[in-house]
Amino acid sequence: MKNKGIDAIHFYIVHKFKWLPSVVKSMTHDDLGFVLSETMSGWTLPEEARNL
């Protein structure tokens, strides 16, 4: 069974940065992690979601 989590990450990056799927799928997990961490830099959880 294919990992749907990694598919979701690939989908997000392809659409966010307009990169080719083949480029995104060829990235290492470290590279994907770097892109995601840079994308989320400065992001905070909305206050209304903090007490769920």
PDB file of N, CA and C in Angstrom:
ATOM      1  N   MET A   1       0.847  -1.195   0.000  1.00  0.00           N
ATOM      2  CA  MET A   1       0.000   0.000   0.000  1.00  0.00           C
ATOM      3  C   MET A   1       0.886   1.249   0.000  1.00  0.00           C
ATOM      4  N   LYS A   2       0.544   2.194  -0.839  1.00  0.00           N
ATOM      5  CA  LYS A   2       1.310   3.420  -0.969  1.00  0.00           C
ATOM      6  C   LYS A   2       1.051   4.344   0.221  1.00  0.00           C
ATOM      7  N   ASN A   3       2.075   5.091   0.618  1.00  0.00           N
ATOM      8  CA  ASN A   3       1.961   6.023   1.739  1.00  0.00           C
ATOM      9  C   ASN A   3       1.212   7.274   1.294  1.00  0.00           C
ATOM     10  N   LYS A   4      -0.020   7.432   1.740  1.00  0.00           N
ATOM     11  CA  LYS A   4      -0.842   8.568   1.342  1.00  0.00           C
ATOM     12  C   LYS A   4      -0.355   9.876   1.960  1.00  0.00           C
ATOM     13  N   GLY A   5       0.361   9.780   3.082  1.00  0.00           N
ATOM     14  CA  GLY A   5       0.906  10.988   3.702  1.00  0.00           C
ATOM     15  C   GLY A   5       1.928  11.662   2.816  1.00  0.00           C
ATOM     16  N   ILE A   6       2.830  10.886   2.245  1.00  0.00           N
ATOM     17  CA  ILE A   6       3.859  11.453   1.372  1.00  0.00           C
ATOM     18  C   ILE A   6       3.221  11.962   0.078  1.00  0.00           C
ATOM     19  N   ASP A   7       2.175  11.303  -0.383  1.00  0.00           N
ATOM     20  CA  ASP A   7       1.450  11.782  -1.566  1.00  0.00           C
ATOM     21  C   ASP A   7       0.855  13.165  -1.296  1.00  0.00           C
ATOM     22  N   ALA A   8       0.330  13.368  -0.104  1.00  0.00           N
ATOM     23  CA  ALA A   8      -0.252  14.662   0.258  1.00  0.00           C
ATOM     24  C   ALA A   8       0.828  15.743   0.310  1.00  0.00           C
ATOM     25  N   ILE A   9       1.997  15.393   0.814  1.00  0.00           N
ATOM     26  CA  ILE A   9       3.107  16.342   0.860  1.00  0.00           C
ATOM     27  C   ILE A   9       3.547  16.699  -0.552  1.00  0.00           C
ATOM     28  N   HIS A  10       3.687  15.694  -1.402  1.00  0.00           N
ATOM     29  CA  HIS A  10       4.053  15.950  -2.799  1.00  0.00           C
ATOM     30  C   HIS A  10       3.020  16.870  -3.453  1.00  0.00           C
ATOM     31  N   PHE A  11       1.748  16.567  -3.275  1.00  0.00           N
ATOM     32  CA  PHE A  11       0.667  17.361  -3.860  1.00  0.00           C
ATOM     33  C   PHE A  11       0.753  18.814  -3.398  1.00  0.00           C
ATOM     34  N   TYR A  12       0.945  19.012  -2.094  1.00  0.00           N
ATOM     35  CA  TYR A  12       1.027  20.362  -1.535  1.00  0.00           C
ATOM     36  C   TYR A  12       2.182  21.143  -2.160  1.00  0.00           C
ATOM     37  N   ILE A  13       3.353  20.528  -2.220  1.00  0.00           N
ATOM     38  CA  ILE A  13       4.529  21.226  -2.740  1.00  0.00           C
ATOM     39  C   ILE A  13       4.387  21.522  -4.232  1.00  0.00           C
ATOM     40  N   VAL A  14       3.866  20.570  -4.996  1.00  0.00           N
ATOM     41  CA  VAL A  14       3.647  20.797  -6.432  1.00  0.00           C
ATOM     42  C   VAL A  14       2.749  22.014  -6.644  1.00  0.00           C
ATOM     43  N   HIS A  15       1.661  22.104  -5.880  1.00  0.00           N
ATOM     44  CA  HIS A  15       0.712  23.197  -6.068  1.00  0.00           C
ATOM     45  C   HIS A  15       1.194  24.518  -5.466  1.00  0.00           C
ATOM     46  N   LYS A  16       1.891  24.452  -4.361  1.00  0.00           N
ATOM     47  CA  LYS A  16       2.382  25.674  -3.708  1.00  0.00           C
ATOM     48  C   LYS A  16       3.453  26.362  -4.547  1.00  0.00           C
ATOM     49  N   PHE A  17       4.398  25.578  -5.072  1.00  0.00           N
ATOM     50  CA  PHE A  17       5.547  26.154  -5.757  1.00  0.00           C
ATOM     51  C   PHE A  17       5.500  26.007  -7.280  1.00  0.00           C
ATOM     52  N   LYS A  18       4.466  25.311  -7.779  1.00  0.00           N
ATOM     53  CA  LYS A  18       4.318  25.087  -9.231  1.00  0.00           C
ATOM     54  C   LYS A  18       5.510  24.310  -9.807  1.00  0.00           C
ATOM     55  N   TRP A  19       6.059  23.398  -8.981  1.00  0.00           N
ATOM     56  CA  TRP A  19       7.154  22.540  -9.434  1.00  0.00           C
ATOM     57  C   TRP A  19       6.560  21.307 -10.103  1.00  0.00           C
ATOM     58  N   LEU A  20       7.287  20.719 -11.032  1.00  0.00           N
ATOM     59  CA  LEU A  20       6.830  19.495 -11.687  1.00  0.00           C
ATOM     60  C   LEU A  20       6.750  18.346 -10.683  1.00  0.00           C
ATOM     61  N   PRO A  21       5.715  17.517 -10.804  1.00  0.00           N
ATOM     62  CA  PRO A  21       5.607  16.362  -9.905  1.00  0.00           C
ATOM     63  C   PRO A  21       6.858  15.479  -9.937  1.00  0.00           C
ATOM     64  N   SER A  22       7.456  15.308 -11.099  1.00  0.00           N
ATOM     65  CA  SER A  22       8.651  14.464 -11.192  1.00  0.00           C
ATOM     66  C   SER A  22       9.808  15.035 -10.371  1.00  0.00           C
ATOM     67  N   VAL A  23       9.904  16.360 -10.309  1.00  0.00           N
ATOM     68  CA  VAL A  23      10.956  17.003  -9.515  1.00  0.00           C
ATOM     69  C   VAL A  23      10.687  16.780  -8.030  1.00  0.00           C
ATOM     70  N   VAL A  24       9.452  17.010  -7.616  1.00  0.00           N
ATOM     71  CA  VAL A  24       9.092  16.864  -6.203  1.00  0.00           C
ATOM     72  C   VAL A  24       9.246  15.412  -5.745  1.00  0.00           C
ATOM     73  N   LYS A  25       8.813  14.465  -6.583  1.00  0.00           N
ATOM     74  CA  LYS A  25       8.909  13.052  -6.212  1.00  0.00           C
ATOM     75  C   LYS A  25      10.344  12.562  -6.151  1.00  0.00           C
ATOM     76  N   SER A  26      11.256  13.260  -6.812  1.00  0.00           N
ATOM     77  CA  SER A  26      12.662  12.852  -6.787  1.00  0.00           C
ATOM     78  C   SER A  26      13.403  13.419  -5.577  1.00  0.00           C
ATOM     79  N   MET A  27      12.761  14.295  -4.820  1.00  0.00           N
ATOM     80  CA  MET A  27      13.403  14.911  -3.656  1.00  0.00           C
ATOM     81  C   MET A  27      13.529  13.906  -2.516  1.00  0.00           C
ATOM     82  N   THR A  28      14.603  14.035  -1.742  1.00  0.00           N
ATOM     83  CA  THR A  28      14.793  13.177  -0.571  1.00  0.00           C
ATOM     84  C   THR A  28      13.842  13.631   0.541  1.00  0.00           C
ATOM     85  N   HIS A  29      13.680  12.790   1.541  1.00  0.00           N
ATOM     86  CA  HIS A  29      12.845  13.168   2.684  1.00  0.00           C
ATOM     87  C   HIS A  29      13.450  14.371   3.406  1.00  0.00           C
ATOM     88  N   ASP A  30      14.771  14.445   3.458  1.00  0.00           N
ATOM     89  CA  ASP A  30      15.419  15.609   4.071  1.00  0.00           C
ATOM     90  C   ASP A  30      15.094  16.883   3.309  1.00  0.00           C
ATOM     91  N   ASP A  31      15.135  16.817   1.973  1.00  0.00           N
ATOM     92  CA  ASP A  31      14.800  17.990   1.154  1.00  0.00           C
ATOM     93  C   ASP A  31      13.343  18.397   1.344  1.00  0.00           C
ATOM     94  N   LEU A  32      12.453  17.414   1.361  1.00  0.00           N
ATOM     95  CA  LEU A  32      11.031  17.704   1.579  1.00  0.00           C
ATOM     96  C   LEU A  32      10.818  18.345   2.946  1.00  0.00           C
ATOM     97  N   GLY A  33      11.486  17.803   3.951  1.00  0.00           N
ATOM     98  CA  GLY A  33      11.381  18.354   5.297  1.00  0.00           C
ATOM     99  C   GLY A  33      11.870  19.791   5.360  1.00  0.00           C
ATOM    100  N   PHE A  34      12.967  20.074   4.652  1.00  0.00           N
ATOM    101  CA  PHE A  34      13.497  21.441   4.615  1.00  0.00           C
ATOM    102  C   PHE A  34      12.489  22.396   3.981  1.00  0.00           C
ATOM    103  N   VAL A  35      11.926  22.006   2.841  1.00  0.00           N
ATOM    104  CA  VAL A  35      10.946  22.851   2.155  1.00  0.00           C
ATOM    105  C   VAL A  35       9.743  23.111   3.060  1.00  0.00           C
ATOM    106  N   LEU A  36       9.242  22.065   3.712  1.00  0.00           N
ATOM    107  CA  LEU A  36       8.080  22.231   4.587  1.00  0.00           C
ATOM    108  C   LEU A  36       8.402  23.107   5.794  1.00  0.00           C
ATOM    109  N   SER A  37       9.583  22.914   6.383  1.00  0.00           N
ATOM    110  CA  SER A  37       9.938  23.712   7.559  1.00  0.00           C
ATOM    111  C   SER A  37      10.103  25.182   7.186  1.00  0.00           C
ATOM    112  N   GLU A  38      10.667  25.459   6.008  1.00  0.00           N
ATOM    113  CA  GLU A  38      10.801  26.845   5.557  1.00  0.00           C
ATOM    114  C   GLU A  38       9.439  27.452   5.250  1.00  0.00           C
ATOM    115  N   THR A  39       8.540  26.657   4.689  1.00  0.00           N
ATOM    116  CA  THR A  39       7.194  27.126   4.379  1.00  0.00           C
ATOM    117  C   THR A  39       6.441  27.497   5.651  1.00  0.00           C
ATOM    118  N   MET A  40       6.676  26.744   6.716  1.00  0.00           N
ATOM    119  CA  MET A  40       5.944  26.971   7.965  1.00  0.00           C
ATOM    120  C   MET A  40       6.670  27.913   8.921  1.00  0.00           C
ATOM    121  N   SER A  41       7.802  28.447   8.518  1.00  0.00           N
ATOM    122  CA  SER A  41       8.550  29.371   9.369  1.00  0.00           C
ATOM    123  C   SER A  41       7.677  30.565   9.727  1.00  0.00           C
ATOM    124  N   GLY A  42       7.531  30.821  11.011  1.00  0.00           N
ATOM    125  CA  GLY A  42       6.712  31.938  11.471  1.00  0.00           C
ATOM    126  C   GLY A  42       5.240  31.617  11.625  1.00  0.00           C
ATOM    127  N   TRP A  43       4.836  30.396  11.214  1.00  0.00           N
ATOM    128  CA  TRP A  43       3.435  30.004  11.328  1.00  0.00           C
ATOM    129  C   TRP A  43       3.107  29.675  12.779  1.00  0.00           C
ATOM    130  N   THR A  44       1.957  30.092  13.229  1.00  0.00           N
ATOM    131  CA  THR A  44       1.495  29.720  14.561  1.00  0.00           C
ATOM    132  C   THR A  44       0.073  29.170  14.458  1.00  0.00           C
ATOM    133  N   LEU A  45      -0.250  28.305  15.378  1.00  0.00           N
ATOM    134  CA  LEU A  45      -1.582  27.725  15.435  1.00  0.00           C
ATOM    135  C   LEU A  45      -2.587  28.814  15.789  1.00  0.00           C
ATOM    136  N   PRO A  46      -3.694  28.917  15.037  1.00  0.00           N
ATOM    137  CA  PRO A  46      -4.697  29.934  15.370  1.00  0.00           C
ATOM    138  C   PRO A  46      -5.188  29.769  16.809  1.00  0.00           C
ATOM    139  N   GLU A  47      -5.414  30.874  17.472  1.00  0.00           N
ATOM    140  CA  GLU A  47      -5.789  30.856  18.888  1.00  0.00           C
ATOM    141  C   GLU A  47      -7.017  29.985  19.166  1.00  0.00           C
ATOM    142  N   GLU A  48      -8.019  30.044  18.278  1.00  0.00           N
ATOM    143  CA  GLU A  48      -9.247  29.257  18.497  1.00  0.00           C
ATOM    144  C   GLU A  48      -9.009  27.760  18.418  1.00  0.00           C
ATOM    145  N   ALA A  49      -7.893  27.341  17.824  1.00  0.00           N
ATOM    146  CA  ALA A  49      -7.586  25.914  17.710  1.00  0.00           C
ATOM    147  C   ALA A  49      -6.688  25.416  18.840  1.00  0.00           C
ATOM    148  N   ARG A  50      -6.202  26.300  19.667  1.00  0.00           N
ATOM    149  CA  ARG A  50      -5.239  25.930  20.711  1.00  0.00           C
ATOM    150  C   ARG A  50      -5.848  25.137  21.854  1.00  0.00           C
ATOM    151  N   ASN A  51      -7.103  25.302  22.101  1.00  0.00           N
ATOM    152  CA  ASN A  51      -7.721  24.643  23.257  1.00  0.00           C
ATOM    153  C   ASN A  51      -8.594  23.459  22.862  1.00  0.00           C
ATOM    154  N   LEU A  52      -8.383  22.910  21.696  1.00  0.00           N
ATOM    155  CA  LEU A  52      -9.186  21.767  21.254  1.00  0.00           C
ATOM    156  C   LEU A  52      -8.684  20.486  21.868  1.00  0.00           C
TER     157      LEU A  52
END
